[in-house]
Amino acid sequence: MMYYGMPLSLVNLNSNLYISVALNVVAELLSTFIVFFLAYVITRWISKVGLTALTGSFSLACIAMRGGGWSEIVLELVDFFGACTMFNTLMIYIVELFPTCVRNLATVVVRQAVMLSGLASPAW
């Protein structure tokens, strides 16, 4: 829900919508590049737990910072960066969890669950 919910609620921030979307794109591209180097630095468990804690804490800080201007945008960017990195890491590690005969089906089911959570995420 975080991966799709944060970009959909950018209209609620007190900033220019186009600048916020452009900064989200930069954060998503940066998280894609970081994922390739993340596996060499820390273990899977630490990366997943750490990114989940980072995303959760910064999303709670975003809620508490309503109307904060640019500080709220920075919190949202760190939150979105953590969600993107966690999503990309999950999609890479899901391939290793299942045997070859069911790997394609498992990947499709996980991707479908992500899409359904994006459909259910609030856009207000």
PDB file of N, CA and C in Angstrom:
ATOM      1  N   MET A   1       0.822  -1.195   0.000  1.00  0.00           N
ATOM      2  CA  MET A   1       0.000   0.000   0.000  1.00  0.00           C
ATOM      3  C   MET A   1       0.865   1.257   0.000  1.00  0.00           C
ATOM      4  N   MET A   2       2.055   1.143   0.593  1.00  0.00           N
ATOM      5  CA  MET A   2       2.936   2.311   0.640  1.00  0.00           C
ATOM      6  C   MET A   2       3.478   2.658  -0.742  1.00  0.00           C
ATOM      7  N   TYR A   3       3.765   1.630  -1.539  1.00  0.00           N
ATOM      8  CA  TYR A   3       4.372   1.851  -2.847  1.00  0.00           C
ATOM      9  C   TYR A   3       3.449   2.650  -3.758  1.00  0.00           C
ATOM     10  N   TYR A   4       2.150   2.422  -3.679  1.00  0.00           N
ATOM     11  CA  TYR A   4       1.201   3.157  -4.501  1.00  0.00           C
ATOM     12  C   TYR A   4       0.489   4.262  -3.731  1.00  0.00           C
ATOM     13  N   GLY A   5       0.387   4.140  -2.428  1.00  0.00           N
ATOM     14  CA  GLY A   5      -0.350   5.123  -1.643  1.00  0.00           C
ATOM     15  C   GLY A   5       0.355   6.460  -1.516  1.00  0.00           C
ATOM     16  N   MET A   6       1.680   6.440  -1.376  1.00  0.00           N
ATOM     17  CA  MET A   6       2.412   7.706  -1.222  1.00  0.00           C
ATOM     18  C   MET A   6       2.353   8.574  -2.481  1.00  0.00           C
ATOM     19  N   PRO A   7       2.589   8.045  -3.680  1.00  0.00           N
ATOM     20  CA  PRO A   7       2.463   8.911  -4.862  1.00  0.00           C
ATOM     21  C   PRO A   7       1.049   9.406  -5.109  1.00  0.00           C
ATOM     22  N   LEU A   8       0.049   8.604  -4.730  1.00  0.00           N
ATOM     23  CA  LEU A   8      -1.323   9.039  -4.952  1.00  0.00           C
ATOM     24  C   LEU A   8      -1.751  10.154  -4.009  1.00  0.00           C
ATOM     25  N   SER A   9      -1.092  10.260  -2.860  1.00  0.00           N
ATOM     26  CA  SER A   9      -1.485  11.301  -1.910  1.00  0.00           C
ATOM     27  C   SER A   9      -0.587  12.528  -1.982  1.00  0.00           C
ATOM     28  N   LEU A  10       0.167  12.686  -3.061  1.00  0.00           N
ATOM     29  CA  LEU A  10       1.008  13.879  -3.211  1.00  0.00           C
ATOM     30  C   LEU A  10       0.197  15.160  -3.327  1.00  0.00           C
ATOM     31  N   VAL A  11      -1.037  15.055  -3.757  1.00  0.00           N
ATOM     32  CA  VAL A  11      -1.867  16.250  -3.894  1.00  0.00           C
ATOM     33  C   VAL A  11      -2.183  16.877  -2.538  1.00  0.00           C
ATOM     34  N   ASN A  12      -2.008  16.124  -1.458  1.00  0.00           N
ATOM     35  CA  ASN A  12      -2.305  16.638  -0.125  1.00  0.00           C
ATOM     36  C   ASN A  12      -1.149  17.423   0.482  1.00  0.00           C
ATOM     37  N   LEU A  13       0.027  17.407  -0.147  1.00  0.00           N
ATOM     38  CA  LEU A  13       1.169  18.143   0.384  1.00  0.00           C
ATOM     39  C   LEU A  13       1.066  19.620   0.026  1.00  0.00           C
ATOM     40  N   ASN A  14       1.694  20.439   0.832  1.00  0.00           N
ATOM     41  CA  ASN A  14       1.688  21.881   0.586  1.00  0.00           C
ATOM     42  C   ASN A  14       2.878  22.267  -0.276  1.00  0.00           C
ATOM     43  N   SER A  15       2.912  21.763  -1.506  1.00  0.00           N
ATOM     44  CA  SER A  15       4.009  22.086  -2.418  1.00  0.00           C
ATOM     45  C   SER A  15       3.505  21.954  -3.843  1.00  0.00           C
ATOM     46  N   ASN A  16       4.402  22.248  -4.781  1.00  0.00           N
ATOM     47  CA  ASN A  16       4.077  22.113  -6.181  1.00  0.00           C
ATOM     48  C   ASN A  16       3.982  20.628  -6.525  1.00  0.00           C
ATOM     49  N   LEU A  17       2.900  20.222  -7.130  1.00  0.00           N
ATOM     50  CA  LEU A  17       2.666  18.819  -7.436  1.00  0.00           C
ATOM     51  C   LEU A  17       3.700  18.284  -8.420  1.00  0.00           C
ATOM     52  N   TYR A  18       4.076  19.076  -9.413  1.00  0.00           N
ATOM     53  CA  TYR A  18       5.003  18.610 -10.433  1.00  0.00           C
ATOM     54  C   TYR A  18       6.413  18.402  -9.877  1.00  0.00           C
ATOM     55  N   ILE A  19       6.824  19.283  -8.976  1.00  0.00           N
ATOM     56  CA  ILE A  19       8.136  19.111  -8.344  1.00  0.00           C
ATOM     57  C   ILE A  19       8.127  17.877  -7.446  1.00  0.00           C
ATOM     58  N   SER A  20       7.040  17.652  -6.743  1.00  0.00           N
ATOM     59  CA  SER A  20       6.938  16.481  -5.866  1.00  0.00           C
ATOM     60  C   SER A  20       6.989  15.182  -6.658  1.00  0.00           C
ATOM     61  N   VAL A  21       6.296  15.139  -7.786  1.00  0.00           N
ATOM     62  CA  VAL A  21       6.317  13.940  -8.626  1.00  0.00           C
ATOM     63  C   VAL A  21       7.706  13.717  -9.207  1.00  0.00           C
ATOM     64  N   ALA A  22       8.370  14.791  -9.636  1.00  0.00           N
ATOM     65  CA  ALA A  22       9.729  14.665 -10.178  1.00  0.00           C
ATOM     66  C   ALA A  22      10.696  14.161  -9.108  1.00  0.00           C
ATOM     67  N   LEU A  23      10.557  14.642  -7.886  1.00  0.00           N
ATOM     68  CA  LEU A  23      11.415  14.159  -6.805  1.00  0.00           C
ATOM     69  C   LEU A  23      11.125  12.702  -6.457  1.00  0.00           C
ATOM     70  N   ASN A  24       9.869  12.289  -6.556  1.00  0.00           N
ATOM     71  CA  ASN A  24       9.528  10.877  -6.339  1.00  0.00           C
ATOM     72  C   ASN A  24      10.153   9.985  -7.407  1.00  0.00           C
ATOM     73  N   VAL A  25      10.190  10.465  -8.643  1.00  0.00           N
ATOM     74  CA  VAL A  25      10.822   9.696  -9.716  1.00  0.00           C
ATOM     75  C   VAL A  25      12.318   9.539  -9.449  1.00  0.00           C
ATOM     76  N   VAL A  26      12.951  10.599  -8.996  1.00  0.00           N
ATOM     77  CA  VAL A  26      14.378  10.523  -8.667  1.00  0.00           C
ATOM     78  C   VAL A  26      14.614   9.543  -7.515  1.00  0.00           C
ATOM     79  N   ALA A  27      13.747   9.579  -6.517  1.00  0.00           N
ATOM     80  CA  ALA A  27      13.879   8.649  -5.387  1.00  0.00           C
ATOM     81  C   ALA A  27      13.680   7.209  -5.831  1.00  0.00           C
ATOM     82  N   GLU A  28      12.745   6.970  -6.744  1.00  0.00           N
ATOM     83  CA  GLU A  28      12.522   5.605  -7.215  1.00  0.00           C
ATOM     84  C   GLU A  28      13.691   5.110  -8.064  1.00  0.00           C
ATOM     85  N   LEU A  29      14.244   5.965  -8.899  1.00  0.00           N
ATOM     86  CA  LEU A  29      15.417   5.568  -9.686  1.00  0.00           C
ATOM     87  C   LEU A  29      16.617   5.286  -8.785  1.00  0.00           C
ATOM     88  N   LEU A  30      16.802   6.117  -7.779  1.00  0.00           N
ATOM     89  CA  LEU A  30      17.901   5.910  -6.840  1.00  0.00           C
ATOM     90  C   LEU A  30      17.728   4.606  -6.073  1.00  0.00           C
ATOM     91  N   SER A  31      16.505   4.292  -5.685  1.00  0.00           N
ATOM     92  CA  SER A  31      16.275   3.045  -4.957  1.00  0.00           C
ATOM     93  C   SER A  31      16.518   1.834  -5.838  1.00  0.00           C
ATOM     94  N   THR A  32      16.243   1.951  -7.133  1.00  0.00           N
ATOM     95  CA  THR A  32      16.506   0.846  -8.050  1.00  0.00           C
ATOM     96  C   THR A  32      17.996   0.570  -8.157  1.00  0.00           C
ATOM     97  N   PHE A  33      18.801   1.609  -8.191  1.00  0.00           N
ATOM     98  CA  PHE A  33      20.249   1.422  -8.256  1.00  0.00           C
ATOM     99  C   PHE A  33      20.816   0.928  -6.928  1.00  0.00           C
ATOM    100  N   ILE A  34      20.232   1.357  -5.830  1.00  0.00           N
ATOM    101  CA  ILE A  34      20.712   0.960  -4.506  1.00  0.00           C
ATOM    102  C   ILE A  34      20.485  -0.537  -4.267  1.00  0.00           C
ATOM    103  N   VAL A  35      19.413  -1.093  -4.802  1.00  0.00           N
ATOM    104  CA  VAL A  35      19.081  -2.494  -4.559  1.00  0.00           C
ATOM    105  C   VAL A  35      20.195  -3.416  -5.047  1.00  0.00           C
ATOM    106  N   PHE A  36      20.828  -3.077  -6.145  1.00  0.00           N
ATOM    107  CA  PHE A  36      21.880  -3.932  -6.669  1.00  0.00           C
ATOM    108  C   PHE A  36      23.079  -4.004  -5.734  1.00  0.00           C
ATOM    109  N   PHE A  37      23.340  -2.941  -4.995  1.00  0.00           N
ATOM    110  CA  PHE A  37      24.480  -2.917  -4.082  1.00  0.00           C
ATOM    111  C   PHE A  37      24.102  -3.301  -2.649  1.00  0.00           C
ATOM    112  N   LEU A  38      22.809  -3.344  -2.365  1.00  0.00           N
ATOM    113  CA  LEU A  38      22.343  -3.639  -1.020  1.00  0.00           C
ATOM    114  C   LEU A  38      22.655  -5.071  -0.601  1.00  0.00           C
ATOM    115  N   ALA A  39      22.617  -5.998  -1.547  1.00  0.00           N
ATOM    116  CA  ALA A  39      22.855  -7.401  -1.227  1.00  0.00           C
ATOM    117  C   ALA A  39      24.302  -7.659  -0.811  1.00  0.00           C
ATOM    118  N   TYR A  40      25.218  -6.827  -1.260  1.00  0.00           N
ATOM    119  CA  TYR A  40      26.621  -7.024  -0.916  1.00  0.00           C
ATOM    120  C   TYR A  40      26.991  -6.402   0.420  1.00  0.00           C
ATOM    121  N   VAL A  41      26.166  -5.513   0.928  1.00  0.00           N
ATOM    122  CA  VAL A  41      26.495  -4.782   2.147  1.00  0.00           C
ATOM    123  C   VAL A  41      25.871  -5.423   3.379  1.00  0.00           C
ATOM    124  N   ILE A  42      24.566  -5.694   3.335  1.00  0.00           N
ATOM    125  CA  ILE A  42      23.869  -6.248   4.493  1.00  0.00           C
ATOM    126  C   ILE A  42      23.063  -7.471   4.078  1.00  0.00           C
ATOM    127  N   THR A  43      22.637  -8.230   5.065  1.00  0.00           N
ATOM    128  CA  THR A  43      21.884  -9.455   4.779  1.00  0.00           C
ATOM    129  C   THR A  43      20.438  -9.140   4.412  1.00  0.00           C
ATOM    130  N   ARG A  44      19.759 -10.159   3.916  1.00  0.00           N
ATOM    131  CA  ARG A  44      18.371  -9.976   3.496  1.00  0.00           C
ATOM    132  C   ARG A  44      17.461  -9.610   4.652  1.00  0.00           C
ATOM    133  N   TRP A  45      17.606 -10.316   5.770  1.00  0.00           N
ATOM    134  CA  TRP A  45      16.721 -10.090   6.896  1.00  0.00           C
ATOM    135  C   TRP A  45      16.882  -8.679   7.443  1.00  0.00           C
ATOM    136  N   ILE A  46      18.115  -8.231   7.580  1.00  0.00           N
ATOM    137  CA  ILE A  46      18.359  -6.884   8.104  1.00  0.00           C
ATOM    138  C   ILE A  46      17.837  -5.833   7.140  1.00  0.00           C
ATOM    139  N   SER A  47      18.017  -6.052   5.837  1.00  0.00           N
ATOM    140  CA  SER A  47      17.534  -5.062   4.879  1.00  0.00           C
ATOM    141  C   SER A  47      16.017  -4.978   4.880  1.00  0.00           C
ATOM    142  N   LYS A  48      15.334  -6.120   4.944  1.00  0.00           N
ATOM    143  CA  LYS A  48      13.872  -6.084   4.938  1.00  0.00           C
ATOM    144  C   LYS A  48      13.308  -5.465   6.210  1.00  0.00           C
ATOM    145  N   VAL A  49      13.831  -5.867   7.349  1.00  0.00           N
ATOM    146  CA  VAL A  49      13.335  -5.317   8.616  1.00  0.00           C
ATOM    147  C   VAL A  49      13.690  -3.835   8.734  1.00  0.00           C
ATOM    148  N   GLY A  50      14.905  -3.483   8.347  1.00  0.00           N
ATOM    149  CA  GLY A  50      15.327  -2.086   8.437  1.00  0.00           C
ATOM    150  C   GLY A  50      14.531  -1.183   7.518  1.00  0.00           C
ATOM    151  N   LEU A  51      14.292  -1.623   6.282  1.00  0.00           N
ATOM    152  CA  LEU A  51      13.521  -0.804   5.350  1.00  0.00           C
ATOM    153  C   LEU A  51      12.055  -0.705   5.761  1.00  0.00           C
ATOM    154  N   THR A  52      11.524  -1.772   6.326  1.00  0.00           N
ATOM    155  CA  THR A  52      10.144  -1.717   6.808  1.00  0.00           C
ATOM    156  C   THR A  52      10.015  -0.758   7.989  1.00  0.00           C
ATOM    157  N   ALA A  53      10.981  -0.807   8.915  1.00  0.00           N
ATOM    158  CA  ALA A  53      10.959   0.117  10.060  1.00  0.00           C
ATOM    159  C   ALA A  53      11.155   1.559   9.598  1.00  0.00           C
ATOM    160  N   LEU A  54      12.042   1.778   8.636  1.00  0.00           N
ATOM    161  CA  LEU A  54      12.268   3.126   8.098  1.00  0.00           C
ATOM    162  C   LEU A  54      11.008   3.674   7.459  1.00  0.00           C
ATOM    163  N   THR A  55      10.373   2.862   6.636  1.00  0.00           N
ATOM    164  CA  THR A  55       9.166   3.306   5.950  1.00  0.00           C
ATOM    165  C   THR A  55       8.025   3.572   6.933  1.00  0.00           C
ATOM    166  N   GLY A  56       7.855   2.699   7.906  1.00  0.00           N
ATOM    167  CA  GLY A  56       6.792   2.899   8.885  1.00  0.00           C
ATOM    168  C   GLY A  56       6.999   4.117   9.749  1.00  0.00           C
ATOM    169  N   SER A  57       8.230   4.327  10.211  1.00  0.00           N
ATOM    170  CA  SER A  57       8.489   5.483  11.068  1.00  0.00           C
ATOM    171  C   SER A  57       8.358   6.800  10.307  1.00  0.00           C
ATOM    172  N   PHE A  58       8.825   6.839   9.071  1.00  0.00           N
ATOM    173  CA  PHE A  58       8.704   8.075   8.313  1.00  0.00           C
ATOM    174  C   PHE A  58       7.281   8.329   7.851  1.00  0.00           C
ATOM    175  N   SER A  59       6.476   7.290   7.650  1.00  0.00           N
ATOM    176  CA  SER A  59       5.079   7.539   7.305  1.00  0.00           C
ATOM    177  C   SER A  59       4.306   8.068   8.505  1.00  0.00           C
ATOM    178  N   LEU A  60       4.630   7.580   9.700  1.00  0.00           N
ATOM    179  CA  LEU A  60       4.008   8.153  10.906  1.00  0.00           C
ATOM    180  C   LEU A  60       4.454   9.596  11.119  1.00  0.00           C
ATOM    181  N   ALA A  61       5.714   9.889  10.802  1.00  0.00           N
ATOM    182  CA  ALA A  61       6.195  11.265  10.908  1.00  0.00           C
ATOM    183  C   ALA A  61       5.506  12.163   9.891  1.00  0.00           C
ATOM    184  N   CYS A  62       5.197  11.635   8.703  1.00  0.00           N
ATOM    185  CA  CYS A  62       4.459  12.418   7.701  1.00  0.00           C
ATOM    186  C   CYS A  62       3.060  12.769   8.190  1.00  0.00           C
ATOM    187  N   ILE A  63       2.436  11.824   8.877  1.00  0.00           N
ATOM    188  CA  ILE A  63       1.094  12.088   9.402  1.00  0.00           C
ATOM    189  C   ILE A  63       1.153  13.159  10.485  1.00  0.00           C
ATOM    190  N   ALA A  64       2.179  13.105  11.331  1.00  0.00           N
ATOM    191  CA  ALA A  64       2.306  14.080  12.412  1.00  0.00           C
ATOM    192  C   ALA A  64       2.716  15.451  11.905  1.00  0.00           C
ATOM    193  N   MET A  65       3.295  15.538  10.712  1.00  0.00           N
ATOM    194  CA  MET A  65       3.856  16.788  10.198  1.00  0.00           C
ATOM    195  C   MET A  65       2.898  17.490   9.246  1.00  0.00           C
ATOM    196  N   ARG A  66       1.615  17.263   9.327  1.00  0.00           N
ATOM    197  CA  ARG A  66       0.659  17.858   8.395  1.00  0.00           C
ATOM    198  C   ARG A  66       0.876  19.363   8.257  1.00  0.00           C
ATOM    199  N   GLY A  67       1.006  19.827   7.008  1.00  0.00           N
ATOM    200  CA  GLY A  67       1.184  21.242   6.738  1.00  0.00           C
ATOM    201  C   GLY A  67       2.585  21.738   7.021  1.00  0.00           C
ATOM    202  N   GLY A  68       3.567  20.842   6.973  1.00  0.00           N
ATOM    203  CA  GLY A  68       4.931  21.203   7.317  1.00  0.00           C
ATOM    204  C   GLY A  68       5.757  21.780   6.193  1.00  0.00           C
ATOM    205  N   GLY A  69       5.225  21.873   4.985  1.00  0.00           N
ATOM    206  CA  GLY A  69       5.965  22.441   3.867  1.00  0.00           C
ATOM    207  C   GLY A  69       7.034  21.489   3.355  1.00  0.00           C
ATOM    208  N   TRP A  70       8.247  22.022   3.191  1.00  0.00           N
ATOM    209  CA  TRP A  70       9.321  21.228   2.592  1.00  0.00           C
ATOM    210  C   TRP A  70       9.815  20.113   3.509  1.00  0.00           C
ATOM    211  N   SER A  71       9.689  20.283   4.808  1.00  0.00           N
ATOM    212  CA  SER A  71      10.089  19.197   5.699  1.00  0.00           C
ATOM    213  C   SER A  71       9.172  17.987   5.524  1.00  0.00           C
ATOM    214  N   GLU A  72       7.908  18.237   5.249  1.00  0.00           N
ATOM    215  CA  GLU A  72       6.970  17.146   4.984  1.00  0.00           C
ATOM    216  C   GLU A  72       7.322  16.438   3.671  1.00  0.00           C
ATOM    217  N   ILE A  73       7.783  17.176   2.692  1.00  0.00           N
ATOM    218  CA  ILE A  73       8.179  16.573   1.413  1.00  0.00           C
ATOM    219  C   ILE A  73       9.415  15.713   1.584  1.00  0.00           C
ATOM    220  N   VAL A  74      10.363  16.164   2.391  1.00  0.00           N
ATOM    221  CA  VAL A  74      11.570  15.368   2.645  1.00  0.00           C
ATOM    222  C   VAL A  74      11.203  14.073   3.356  1.00  0.00           C
ATOM    223  N   LEU A  75      10.309  14.151   4.334  1.00  0.00           N
ATOM    224  CA  LEU A  75       9.846  12.943   5.014  1.00  0.00           C
ATOM    225  C   LEU A  75       9.149  11.993   4.041  1.00  0.00           C
ATOM    226  N   GLU A  76       8.350  12.543   3.155  1.00  0.00           N
ATOM    227  CA  GLU A  76       7.658  11.722   2.170  1.00  0.00           C
ATOM    228  C   GLU A  76       8.638  11.076   1.204  1.00  0.00           C
ATOM    229  N   LEU A  77       9.677  11.810   0.816  1.00  0.00           N
ATOM    230  CA  LEU A  77      10.675  11.249  -0.100  1.00  0.00           C
ATOM    231  C   LEU A  77      11.451  10.101   0.534  1.00  0.00           C
ATOM    232  N   VAL A  78      11.832  10.246   1.793  1.00  0.00           N
ATOM    233  CA  VAL A  78      12.540   9.161   2.483  1.00  0.00           C
ATOM    234  C   VAL A  78      11.604   7.969   2.654  1.00  0.00           C
ATOM    235  N   ASP A  79      10.350   8.236   2.962  1.00  0.00           N
ATOM    236  CA  ASP A  79       9.357   7.180   3.102  1.00  0.00           C
ATOM    237  C   ASP A  79       9.158   6.447   1.779  1.00  0.00           C
ATOM    238  N   PHE A  80       9.015   7.176   0.703  1.00  0.00           N
ATOM    239  CA  PHE A  80       8.819   6.566  -0.614  1.00  0.00           C
ATOM    240  C   PHE A  80      10.073   5.821  -1.065  1.00  0.00           C
ATOM    241  N   PHE A  81      11.252   6.352  -0.754  1.00  0.00           N
ATOM    242  CA  PHE A  81      12.505   5.680  -1.077  1.00  0.00           C
ATOM    243  C   PHE A  81      12.589   4.327  -0.367  1.00  0.00           C
ATOM    244  N   GLY A  82      12.226   4.293   0.910  1.00  0.00           N
ATOM    245  CA  GLY A  82      12.229   3.040   1.653  1.00  0.00           C
ATOM    246  C   GLY A  82      11.221   2.036   1.106  1.00  0.00           C
ATOM    247  N   ALA A  83      10.043   2.524   0.722  1.00  0.00           N
ATOM    248  CA  ALA A  83       9.019   1.632   0.168  1.00  0.00           C
ATOM    249  C   ALA A  83       9.449   1.074  -1.184  1.00  0.00           C
ATOM    250  N   CYS A  84      10.038   1.903  -2.022  1.00  0.00           N
ATOM    251  CA  CYS A  84      10.509   1.434  -3.335  1.00  0.00           C
ATOM    252  C   CYS A  84      11.641   0.433  -3.195  1.00  0.00           C
ATOM    253  N   THR A  85      12.570   0.716  -2.291  1.00  0.00           N
ATOM    254  CA  THR A  85      13.694  -0.192  -2.093  1.00  0.00           C
ATOM    255  C   THR A  85      13.211  -1.519  -1.538  1.00  0.00           C
ATOM    256  N   MET A  86      12.277  -1.475  -0.601  1.00  0.00           N
ATOM    257  CA  MET A  86      11.730  -2.716  -0.046  1.00  0.00           C
ATOM    258  C   MET A  86      10.966  -3.506  -1.101  1.00  0.00           C
ATOM    259  N   PHE A  87      10.203  -2.824  -1.933  1.00  0.00           N
ATOM    260  CA  PHE A  87       9.457  -3.499  -2.994  1.00  0.00           C
ATOM    261  C   PHE A  87      10.407  -4.169  -3.987  1.00  0.00           C
ATOM    262  N   ASN A  88      11.442  -3.456  -4.410  1.00  0.00           N
ATOM    263  CA  ASN A  88      12.399  -4.030  -5.356  1.00  0.00           C
ATOM    264  C   ASN A  88      13.176  -5.191  -4.737  1.00  0.00           C
ATOM    265  N   THR A  89      13.539  -5.062  -3.475  1.00  0.00           N
ATOM    266  CA  THR A  89      14.237  -6.143  -2.782  1.00  0.00           C
ATOM    267  C   THR A  89      13.339  -7.367  -2.648  1.00  0.00           C
ATOM    268  N   LEU A  90      12.086  -7.153  -2.340  1.00  0.00           N
ATOM    269  CA  LEU A  90      11.136  -8.267  -2.220  1.00  0.00           C
ATOM    270  C   LEU A  90      10.965  -8.983  -3.546  1.00  0.00           C
ATOM    271  N   MET A  91      10.874  -8.246  -4.641  1.00  0.00           N
ATOM    272  CA  MET A  91      10.684  -8.879  -5.938  1.00  0.00           C
ATOM    273  C   MET A  91      11.920  -9.672  -6.370  1.00  0.00           C
ATOM    274  N   ILE A  92      13.095  -9.276  -5.928  1.00  0.00           N
ATOM    275  CA  ILE A  92      14.303 -10.045  -6.238  1.00  0.00           C
ATOM    276  C   ILE A  92      14.366 -11.298  -5.376  1.00  0.00           C
ATOM    277  N   TYR A  93      14.069 -11.169  -4.095  1.00  0.00           N
ATOM    278  CA  TYR A  93      14.191 -12.301  -3.182  1.00  0.00           C
ATOM    279  C   TYR A  93      13.056 -13.307  -3.321  1.00  0.00           C
ATOM    280  N   ILE A  94      11.939 -12.923  -3.905  1.00  0.00           N
ATOM    281  CA  ILE A  94      10.826 -13.856  -4.066  1.00  0.00           C
ATOM    282  C   ILE A  94      11.208 -14.987  -5.016  1.00  0.00           C
ATOM    283  N   VAL A  95      12.130 -14.718  -5.933  1.00  0.00           N
ATOM    284  CA  VAL A  95      12.570 -15.735  -6.879  1.00  0.00           C
ATOM    285  C   VAL A  95      13.322 -16.848  -6.161  1.00  0.00           C
ATOM    286  N   GLU A  96      14.029 -16.522  -5.091  1.00  0.00           N
ATOM    287  CA  GLU A  96      14.812 -17.517  -4.373  1.00  0.00           C
ATOM    288  C   GLU A  96      13.988 -18.358  -3.411  1.00  0.00           C
ATOM    289  N   LEU A  97      12.786 -17.943  -3.103  1.00  0.00           N
ATOM    290  CA  LEU A  97      11.990 -18.640  -2.101  1.00  0.00           C
ATOM    291  C   LEU A  97      11.303 -19.904  -2.614  1.00  0.00           C
ATOM    292  N   PHE A  98      11.016 -19.952  -3.884  1.00  0.00           N
ATOM    293  CA  PHE A  98      10.208 -21.036  -4.417  1.00  0.00           C
ATOM    294  C   PHE A  98      11.009 -21.910  -5.373  1.00  0.00           C
ATOM    295  N   PRO A  99      10.652 -23.206  -5.468  1.00  0.00           N
ATOM    296  CA  PRO A  99      11.325 -24.060  -6.451  1.00  0.00           C
ATOM    297  C   PRO A  99      10.949 -23.660  -7.875  1.00  0.00           C
ATOM    298  N   THR A 100      11.708 -24.143  -8.818  1.00  0.00           N
ATOM    299  CA  THR A 100      11.552 -23.720 -10.207  1.00  0.00           C
ATOM    300  C   THR A 100      10.168 -24.007 -10.764  1.00  0.00           C
ATOM    301  N   CYS A 101       9.550 -25.101 -10.363  1.00  0.00           N
ATOM    302  CA  CYS A 101       8.267 -25.483 -10.957  1.00  0.00           C
ATOM    303  C   CYS A 101       7.135 -24.520 -10.599  1.00  0.00           C
ATOM    304  N   VAL A 102       7.220 -23.810  -9.489  1.00  0.00           N
ATOM    305  CA  VAL A 102       6.159 -22.876  -9.106  1.00  0.00           C
ATOM    306  C   VAL A 102       6.652 -21.428  -9.018  1.00  0.00           C
ATOM    307  N   ARG A 103       7.859 -21.169  -9.453  1.00  0.00           N
ATOM    308  CA  ARG A 103       8.440 -19.829  -9.314  1.00  0.00           C
ATOM    309  C   ARG A 103       7.667 -18.775 -10.092  1.00  0.00           C
ATOM    310  N   ASN A 104       7.291 -19.081 -11.330  1.00  0.00           N
ATOM    311  CA  ASN A 104       6.549 -18.103 -12.130  1.00  0.00           C
ATOM    312  C   ASN A 104       5.189 -17.794 -11.518  1.00  0.00           C
ATOM    313  N   LEU A 105       4.510 -18.822 -11.060  1.00  0.00           N
ATOM    314  CA  LEU A 105       3.203 -18.612 -10.438  1.00  0.00           C
ATOM    315  C   LEU A 105       3.323 -17.795  -9.156  1.00  0.00           C
ATOM    316  N   ALA A 106       4.329 -18.080  -8.345  1.00  0.00           N
ATOM    317  CA  ALA A 106       4.513 -17.343  -7.097  1.00  0.00           C
ATOM    318  C   ALA A 106       4.839 -15.878  -7.361  1.00  0.00           C
ATOM    319  N   THR A 107       5.662 -15.621  -8.362  1.00  0.00           N
ATOM    320  CA  THR A 107       5.999 -14.237  -8.699  1.00  0.00           C
ATOM    321  C   THR A 107       4.764 -13.488  -9.190  1.00  0.00           C
ATOM    322  N   VAL A 108       3.942 -14.139  -9.989  1.00  0.00           N
ATOM    323  CA  VAL A 108       2.720 -13.505 -10.478  1.00  0.00           C
ATOM    324  C   VAL A 108       1.753 -13.232  -9.338  1.00  0.00           C
ATOM    325  N   VAL A 109       1.642 -14.159  -8.397  1.00  0.00           N
ATOM    326  CA  VAL A 109       0.722 -13.980  -7.265  1.00  0.00           C
ATOM    327  C   VAL A 109       1.188 -12.818  -6.383  1.00  0.00           C
ATOM    328  N   VAL A 110       2.499 -12.725  -6.146  1.00  0.00           N
ATOM    329  CA  VAL A 110       3.011 -11.608  -5.345  1.00  0.00           C
ATOM    330  C   VAL A 110       2.777 -10.286  -6.060  1.00  0.00           C
ATOM    331  N   ARG A 111       3.044 -10.243  -7.348  1.00  0.00           N
ATOM    332  CA  ARG A 111       2.826  -9.010  -8.115  1.00  0.00           C
ATOM    333  C   ARG A 111       1.345  -8.629  -8.129  1.00  0.00           C
ATOM    334  N   GLN A 112       0.474  -9.621  -8.237  1.00  0.00           N
ATOM    335  CA  GLN A 112      -0.962  -9.348  -8.216  1.00  0.00           C
ATOM    336  C   GLN A 112      -1.407  -8.830  -6.854  1.00  0.00           C
ATOM    337  N   ALA A 113      -0.837  -9.364  -5.782  1.00  0.00           N
ATOM    338  CA  ALA A 113      -1.163  -8.864  -4.448  1.00  0.00           C
ATOM    339  C   ALA A 113      -0.722  -7.415  -4.293  1.00  0.00           C
ATOM    340  N   VAL A 114       0.415  -7.062  -4.873  1.00  0.00           N
ATOM    341  CA  VAL A 114       0.884  -5.670  -4.818  1.00  0.00           C
ATOM    342  C   VAL A 114      -0.062  -4.765  -5.597  1.00  0.00           C
ATOM    343  N   MET A 115      -0.515  -5.225  -6.749  1.00  0.00           N
ATOM    344  CA  MET A 115      -1.446  -4.417  -7.543  1.00  0.00           C
ATOM    345  C   MET A 115      -2.782  -4.245  -6.835  1.00  0.00           C
ATOM    346  N   LEU A 116      -3.269  -5.297  -6.184  1.00  0.00           N
ATOM    347  CA  LEU A 116      -4.535  -5.183  -5.453  1.00  0.00           C
ATOM    348  C   LEU A 116      -4.396  -4.270  -4.241  1.00  0.00           C
ATOM    349  N   SER A 117      -3.231  -4.278  -3.589  1.00  0.00           N
ATOM    350  CA  SER A 117      -3.046  -3.341  -2.477  1.00  0.00           C
ATOM    351  C   SER A 117      -2.962  -1.914  -2.969  1.00  0.00           C
ATOM    352  N   GLY A 118      -2.416  -1.729  -4.171  1.00  0.00           N
ATOM    353  CA  GLY A 118      -2.418  -0.383  -4.758  1.00  0.00           C
ATOM    354  C   GLY A 118      -3.810   0.079  -5.097  1.00  0.00           C
ATOM    355  N   LEU A 119      -4.661  -0.855  -5.485  1.00  0.00           N
ATOM    356  CA  LEU A 119      -6.049  -0.514  -5.763  1.00  0.00           C
ATOM    357  C   LEU A 119      -6.791  -0.141  -4.495  1.00  0.00           C
ATOM    358  N   ALA A 120      -6.438  -0.785  -3.383  1.00  0.00           N
ATOM    359  CA  ALA A 120      -7.124  -0.544  -2.117  1.00  0.00           C
ATOM    360  C   ALA A 120      -6.549   0.623  -1.340  1.00  0.00           C
ATOM    361  N   SER A 121      -5.393   1.143  -1.760  1.00  0.00           N
ATOM    362  CA  SER A 121      -4.776   2.220  -0.975  1.00  0.00           C
ATOM    363  C   SER A 121      -5.572   3.515  -1.134  1.00  0.00           C
ATOM    364  N   PRO A 122      -5.697   4.253  -0.057  1.00  0.00           N
ATOM    365  CA  PRO A 122      -6.494   5.489  -0.123  1.00  0.00           C
ATOM    366  C   PRO A 122      -5.729   6.579  -0.878  1.00  0.00           C
ATOM    367  N   ALA A 123      -6.444   7.306  -1.695  1.00  0.00           N
ATOM    368  CA  ALA A 123      -5.853   8.379  -2.484  1.00  0.00           C
ATOM    369  C   ALA A 123      -6.360   9.740  -2.017  1.00  0.00           C
ATOM    370  N   TRP A 124      -6.504   9.909  -0.740  1.00  0.00           N
ATOM    371  CA  TRP A 124      -7.025  11.175  -0.238  1.00  0.00           C
ATOM    372  C   TRP A 124      -6.021  11.899   0.525  1.00  0.00           C
TER     373      TRP A 124
END
